[in-house]
């Protein structure tokens, strides 16, 4: 799928959506998109789509999303059980260890997502806030290890 198609879908899906602190969800999504390289922008535009439940995988595939991009979105979609530090870090670990292009896309987008969440903290209705900085360190470590392996491979 072309990034412009993904943008159109994201803008339609998240029009009027707000983060817990009242900020437009699209502002967060746009910042993430602008922090990713071109090859990750389709996934970046849609990184909140599956988690919101506003669109089905089938609809995205019919719109032109490919299997690699869909797998990256699946990795990025945090299940409901991830409302604890341990659960959240298990989710991050899945992204950190995911193989292939889907894993690389998911890591790229999640790193941009976490950087944005750290730079623009949001209010949480309950007292739990995901350990964004810890997750970011883990993903940066995984990307660094990938680079070393690729250079010596």
Protein backbone atom coordinates (compact mmCIF):
# COMPACT_ATOMS: atom_id res chain seq x y z
CA UNK A 1 0.00 0.00 0.00
CA UNK A 2 1.21 3.47 -0.77
CA UNK A 3 1.71 5.81 2.18
CA UNK A 4 -0.83 8.29 0.79
CA UNK A 5 -3.50 5.55 0.85
CA UNK A 6 -2.53 4.66 4.42
CA UNK A 7 -2.74 8.35 5.35
CA UNK A 8 -6.23 8.59 3.92
CA UNK A 9 -7.34 5.53 5.91
CA UNK A 10 -5.72 6.80 9.12
CA UNK A 11 -7.27 10.24 8.75
CA UNK A 12 -10.71 8.71 8.21
CA UNK A 13 -10.34 6.21 11.09
CA UNK A 14 -8.95 8.63 13.66
CA UNK A 15 -10.79 11.84 12.77
CA UNK A 16 -11.99 13.15 16.11
CA UNK A 17 -10.10 10.50 18.13
CA UNK A 18 -8.31 11.89 21.15
CA UNK A 19 -5.56 10.63 23.40
CA UNK A 20 -6.43 10.38 27.06
CA UNK A 21 -5.18 13.93 27.60
CA UNK A 22 -7.45 15.31 24.88
CA UNK A 23 -4.77 15.77 22.21
CA UNK A 24 -5.76 14.66 18.70
CA UNK A 25 -4.61 11.10 17.97
CA UNK A 26 -3.71 12.22 14.45
CA UNK A 27 -1.12 14.64 15.85
CA UNK A 28 0.69 11.69 17.45
CA UNK A 29 0.36 9.59 14.28
CA UNK A 30 1.72 12.40 12.08
CA UNK A 31 4.74 12.89 14.35
CA UNK A 32 5.48 9.15 14.22
CA UNK A 33 5.15 9.14 10.41
CA UNK A 34 7.52 12.09 10.06
CA UNK A 35 10.06 10.28 12.26
CA UNK A 36 10.21 7.17 10.10
CA UNK A 37 11.96 6.46 6.80
CA UNK A 38 9.87 6.26 3.62
CA UNK A 39 9.72 2.45 3.61
CA UNK A 40 8.02 2.43 7.05
CA UNK A 41 5.50 5.21 6.49
CA UNK A 42 2.55 3.02 5.47
CA UNK A 43 2.89 1.07 8.72
CA UNK A 44 3.46 4.30 10.67
CA UNK A 45 0.23 5.82 9.34
CA UNK A 46 -1.69 2.70 10.38
CA UNK A 47 0.12 1.81 13.61
CA UNK A 48 -2.93 2.68 15.77
CA UNK A 49 -5.54 1.24 13.37
CA UNK A 50 -5.84 -2.40 14.46
CA UNK A 51 -5.52 -1.61 18.15
CA UNK A 52 -8.42 0.82 17.91
CA UNK A 53 -10.65 -1.88 16.44
CA UNK A 54 -11.98 0.64 13.92
CA UNK A 55 -10.86 -1.37 10.89
CA UNK A 56 -10.42 -5.04 10.08
CA UNK A 57 -7.34 -6.72 8.68
CA UNK A 58 -9.41 -7.80 5.68
CA UNK A 59 -10.41 -4.21 4.91
CA UNK A 60 -6.75 -3.13 5.02
CA UNK A 61 -5.71 -6.02 2.75
CA UNK A 62 -8.47 -5.16 0.30
CA UNK A 63 -7.21 -1.56 0.31
CA UNK A 64 -3.76 -2.77 -0.77
CA UNK A 65 -1.86 -3.49 2.43
CA UNK A 66 0.60 -6.34 1.83
CA UNK A 67 1.23 -9.33 4.11
CA UNK A 68 4.53 -7.93 5.42
CA UNK A 69 2.88 -4.64 6.42
CA UNK A 70 -0.06 -6.49 8.01
CA UNK A 71 2.31 -8.65 10.05
CA UNK A 72 4.12 -5.50 11.23
CA UNK A 73 0.78 -3.99 12.29
CA UNK A 74 -0.10 -7.18 14.15
CA UNK A 75 3.18 -6.94 16.05
CA UNK A 76 2.47 -3.31 16.92
CA UNK A 77 -1.06 -3.95 18.17
CA UNK A 78 -0.87 -4.24 21.93
CA UNK A 79 -3.28 -6.77 23.40
CA UNK A 80 -5.56 -5.80 26.28
CA UNK A 81 -3.55 -7.94 28.72
CA UNK A 82 -0.60 -5.55 28.37
CA UNK A 83 -1.79 -3.26 31.17
CA UNK A 84 1.13 -4.01 33.45
CA UNK A 85 4.86 -3.36 33.16
CA UNK A 86 5.52 -7.08 32.73
CA UNK A 87 2.86 -7.50 30.05
CA UNK A 88 3.99 -4.37 28.23
CA UNK A 89 7.61 -5.51 28.19
CA UNK A 90 6.53 -8.95 26.90
CA UNK A 91 4.85 -7.11 24.02
CA UNK A 92 8.03 -5.10 23.39
CA UNK A 93 10.07 -8.31 23.46
CA UNK A 94 7.91 -9.80 20.70
CA UNK A 95 8.65 -6.75 18.55
CA UNK A 96 12.37 -6.81 19.46
CA UNK A 97 12.74 -10.46 18.44
CA UNK A 98 10.45 -10.54 15.38
CA UNK A 99 12.21 -11.80 12.26
CA UNK A 100 12.21 -10.52 8.71
CA UNK A 101 11.02 -7.34 7.12
CA UNK A 102 7.84 -7.27 9.25
CA UNK A 103 9.95 -7.26 12.39
CA UNK A 104 12.20 -4.51 11.08
CA UNK A 105 9.21 -2.37 10.08
CA UNK A 106 7.55 -2.90 13.46
CA UNK A 107 10.76 -1.99 15.33
CA UNK A 108 11.26 1.14 13.24
CA UNK A 109 7.72 2.36 13.84
CA UNK A 110 7.65 1.38 17.53
CA UNK A 111 10.89 3.24 18.19
CA UNK A 112 9.37 6.38 16.63
CA UNK A 113 6.14 5.78 18.57
CA UNK A 114 7.96 5.43 21.90
CA UNK A 115 10.13 8.48 21.28
CA UNK A 116 6.97 10.47 20.62
CA UNK A 117 5.21 9.09 23.71
CA UNK A 118 8.22 10.07 25.84
CA UNK A 119 8.42 13.56 24.27
CA UNK A 120 4.64 14.09 24.58
CA UNK A 121 3.52 12.37 27.76
CA UNK A 122 -0.17 11.77 28.04
CA UNK A 123 -2.47 11.54 30.99
CA UNK A 124 -3.61 8.08 32.03
CA UNK A 125 -7.01 7.56 33.63
CA UNK A 126 -5.58 4.94 35.94
CA UNK A 127 -2.23 5.29 37.64
CA UNK A 128 -0.39 2.91 35.30
CA UNK A 129 1.80 4.35 32.58
CA UNK A 130 3.62 1.99 30.21
CA UNK A 131 7.40 1.89 30.72
CA UNK A 132 8.10 3.69 27.46
CA UNK A 133 11.76 4.49 28.19
CA UNK A 134 12.52 0.90 29.14
CA UNK A 135 10.79 -0.36 26.00
CA UNK A 136 12.72 2.11 23.86
CA UNK A 137 16.05 0.98 25.34
CA UNK A 138 15.17 -2.66 24.58
CA UNK A 139 14.24 -1.92 20.96
CA UNK A 140 17.30 0.25 20.38
CA UNK A 141 19.41 -2.62 21.72
CA UNK A 142 17.73 -5.02 19.28
CA UNK A 143 18.33 -2.66 16.34
CA UNK A 144 21.95 -2.20 17.40
CA UNK A 145 22.46 -5.97 17.52
CA UNK A 146 20.90 -6.27 14.03
CA UNK A 147 23.37 -3.72 12.71
CA UNK A 148 26.34 -5.59 14.16
CA UNK A 149 25.13 -8.89 12.72
CA UNK A 150 24.53 -7.34 9.30
CA UNK A 151 27.99 -5.74 9.29
CA UNK A 152 29.75 -8.98 10.21
CA UNK A 153 27.33 -11.34 8.46
